[in-house]
Amino acid sequence: MNRPDEELYQHRIAELEAEIARLNAALDSVKADRKALRDQLYGPLHEDDLTTEDEMAEIMRDYVPGAGAKFFADLGLLPNKPA
């Protein structure tokens, strides 16, 4: 690979890494804002209320994709598809 291409790639990589860092900082800010709003609305979240890994594994083991849509369809709450 010739030198100018390598320098161009390194420059682009540096730009992308800076963009990733900026986006991660923005994401952290949004997460903090959402947590503050959630705590304001519902009160602080206690560790006992969080789902454990074992509980989440059990939930996902029993999860059936589309079950929610089938439930609403059985109730007649889904819009009809256009013909």
C-alpha atoms as a PDB file:
ATOM      1  CA  MET A   1       0.000   0.000   0.000  1.00  0.00           C
ATOM      2  CA  ASN A   2       1.436   3.364  -0.846  1.00  0.00           C
ATOM      3  CA  ARG A   3       2.106   6.042   1.749  1.00  0.00           C
ATOM      4  CA  PRO A   4      -0.556   8.663   0.869  1.00  0.00           C
ATOM      5  CA  ASP A   5      -3.337   6.078   1.079  1.00  0.00           C
ATOM      6  CA  GLU A   6      -2.107   4.878   4.472  1.00  0.00           C
ATOM      7  CA  GLU A   7      -2.007   8.442   5.818  1.00  0.00           C
ATOM      8  CA  LEU A   8      -5.482   9.089   4.434  1.00  0.00           C
ATOM      9  CA  TYR A   9      -6.811   5.960   6.134  1.00  0.00           C
ATOM     10  CA  GLN A  10      -5.172   6.868   9.447  1.00  0.00           C
ATOM     11  CA  HIS A  11      -6.659  10.360   9.245  1.00  0.00           C
ATOM     12  CA  ARG A  12     -10.124   8.938   8.519  1.00  0.00           C
ATOM     13  CA  ILE A  13      -9.776   6.460  11.398  1.00  0.00           C
ATOM     14  CA  ALA A  14      -8.871   9.311  13.747  1.00  0.00           C
ATOM     15  CA  GLU A  15     -11.917  11.301  12.551  1.00  0.00           C
ATOM     16  CA  LEU A  16     -14.214   8.326  13.112  1.00  0.00           C
ATOM     17  CA  GLU A  17     -12.778   7.630  16.573  1.00  0.00           C
ATOM     18  CA  ALA A  18     -13.365  11.281  17.519  1.00  0.00           C
ATOM     19  CA  GLU A  19     -16.950  11.021  16.230  1.00  0.00           C
ATOM     20  CA  ILE A  20     -17.489   7.838  18.267  1.00  0.00           C
ATOM     21  CA  ALA A  21     -16.187   9.580  21.393  1.00  0.00           C
ATOM     22  CA  ARG A  22     -18.509  12.545  20.770  1.00  0.00           C
ATOM     23  CA  LEU A  23     -21.505  10.258  20.220  1.00  0.00           C
ATOM     24  CA  ASN A  24     -20.703   8.229  23.353  1.00  0.00           C
ATOM     25  CA  ALA A  25     -20.544  11.441  25.388  1.00  0.00           C
ATOM     26  CA  ALA A  26     -23.916  12.531  23.961  1.00  0.00           C
ATOM     27  CA  LEU A  27     -25.375   9.088  24.729  1.00  0.00           C
ATOM     28  CA  ASP A  28     -24.118   9.244  28.316  1.00  0.00           C
ATOM     29  CA  SER A  29     -25.728  12.670  28.679  1.00  0.00           C
ATOM     30  CA  VAL A  30     -29.057  11.420  27.323  1.00  0.00           C
ATOM     31  CA  LYS A  31     -28.943   8.365  29.610  1.00  0.00           C
ATOM     32  CA  ALA A  32     -28.291  10.597  32.618  1.00  0.00           C
ATOM     33  CA  ASP A  33     -31.177  12.900  31.639  1.00  0.00           C
ATOM     34  CA  ARG A  34     -33.529   9.948  31.176  1.00  0.00           C
ATOM     35  CA  LYS A  35     -32.504   8.469  34.527  1.00  0.00           C
ATOM     36  CA  ALA A  36     -33.087  11.809  36.265  1.00  0.00           C
ATOM     37  CA  LEU A  37     -36.519  12.146  34.648  1.00  0.00           C
ATOM     38  CA  ARG A  38     -37.418   8.540  35.488  1.00  0.00           C
ATOM     39  CA  ASP A  39     -36.348   9.046  39.105  1.00  0.00           C
ATOM     40  CA  GLN A  40     -38.330  12.274  39.246  1.00  0.00           C
ATOM     41  CA  LEU A  41     -41.434  10.583  37.871  1.00  0.00           C
ATOM     42  CA  TYR A  42     -41.299   7.164  39.546  1.00  0.00           C
ATOM     43  CA  GLY A  43     -38.858   7.687  42.378  1.00  0.00           C
ATOM     44  CA  PRO A  44     -35.420   6.112  42.640  1.00  0.00           C
ATOM     45  CA  LEU A  45     -35.001   2.582  41.320  1.00  0.00           C
ATOM     46  CA  HIS A  46     -33.824   0.085  43.940  1.00  0.00           C
ATOM     47  CA  GLU A  47     -31.455  -2.777  43.162  1.00  0.00           C
ATOM     48  CA  ASP A  48     -34.089  -5.250  44.385  1.00  0.00           C
ATOM     49  CA  ASP A  49     -36.451  -4.110  41.609  1.00  0.00           C
ATOM     50  CA  LEU A  50     -33.992  -4.835  38.792  1.00  0.00           C
ATOM     51  CA  THR A  51     -34.310  -8.026  36.766  1.00  0.00           C
ATOM     52  CA  THR A  52     -31.480 -10.470  37.413  1.00  0.00           C
ATOM     53  CA  GLU A  53     -29.674 -12.357  34.660  1.00  0.00           C
ATOM     54  CA  ASP A  54     -31.411 -15.590  35.679  1.00  0.00           C
ATOM     55  CA  GLU A  55     -34.839 -13.934  35.600  1.00  0.00           C
ATOM     56  CA  MET A  56     -34.111 -12.431  32.174  1.00  0.00           C
ATOM     57  CA  ALA A  57     -32.953 -15.828  30.882  1.00  0.00           C
ATOM     58  CA  GLU A  58     -36.240 -17.348  32.084  1.00  0.00           C
ATOM     59  CA  ILE A  59     -38.251 -14.563  30.424  1.00  0.00           C
ATOM     60  CA  MET A  60     -36.406 -14.982  27.134  1.00  0.00           C
ATOM     61  CA  ARG A  61     -36.724 -18.780  27.250  1.00  0.00           C
ATOM     62  CA  ASP A  62     -40.522 -18.446  27.399  1.00  0.00           C
ATOM     63  CA  TYR A  63     -40.716 -15.521  24.950  1.00  0.00           C
ATOM     64  CA  VAL A  64     -42.645 -16.170  21.742  1.00  0.00           C
ATOM     65  CA  PRO A  65     -42.007 -13.580  18.994  1.00  0.00           C
ATOM     66  CA  GLY A  66     -45.259 -11.987  17.863  1.00  0.00           C
ATOM     67  CA  ALA A  67     -47.211 -13.156  20.908  1.00  0.00           C
ATOM     68  CA  GLY A  68     -48.216  -9.588  21.750  1.00  0.00           C
ATOM     69  CA  ALA A  69     -49.539  -8.976  18.243  1.00  0.00           C
ATOM     70  CA  LYS A  70     -51.475 -12.265  18.334  1.00  0.00           C
ATOM     71  CA  PHE A  71     -53.004 -11.262  21.675  1.00  0.00           C
ATOM     72  CA  PHE A  72     -54.216  -7.931  20.268  1.00  0.00           C
ATOM     73  CA  ALA A  73     -55.404  -9.610  17.060  1.00  0.00           C
ATOM     74  CA  ASP A  74     -57.464 -12.065  19.109  1.00  0.00           C
ATOM     75  CA  LEU A  75     -59.064  -9.095  20.841  1.00  0.00           C
ATOM     76  CA  GLY A  76     -59.741  -7.486  17.472  1.00  0.00           C
ATOM     77  CA  LEU A  77     -57.580  -4.475  18.281  1.00  0.00           C
ATOM     78  CA  LEU A  78     -55.227  -4.623  15.297  1.00  0.00           C
ATOM     79  CA  PRO A  79     -56.116  -2.599  12.215  1.00  0.00           C
ATOM     80  CA  ASN A  80     -57.166  -4.540   9.150  1.00  0.00           C
ATOM     81  CA  LYS A  81     -54.572  -4.871   6.404  1.00  0.00           C
ATOM     82  CA  PRO A  82     -55.421  -3.014   3.203  1.00  0.00           C
ATOM     83  CA  ALA A  83     -56.802  -5.307   0.496  1.00  0.00           C
END
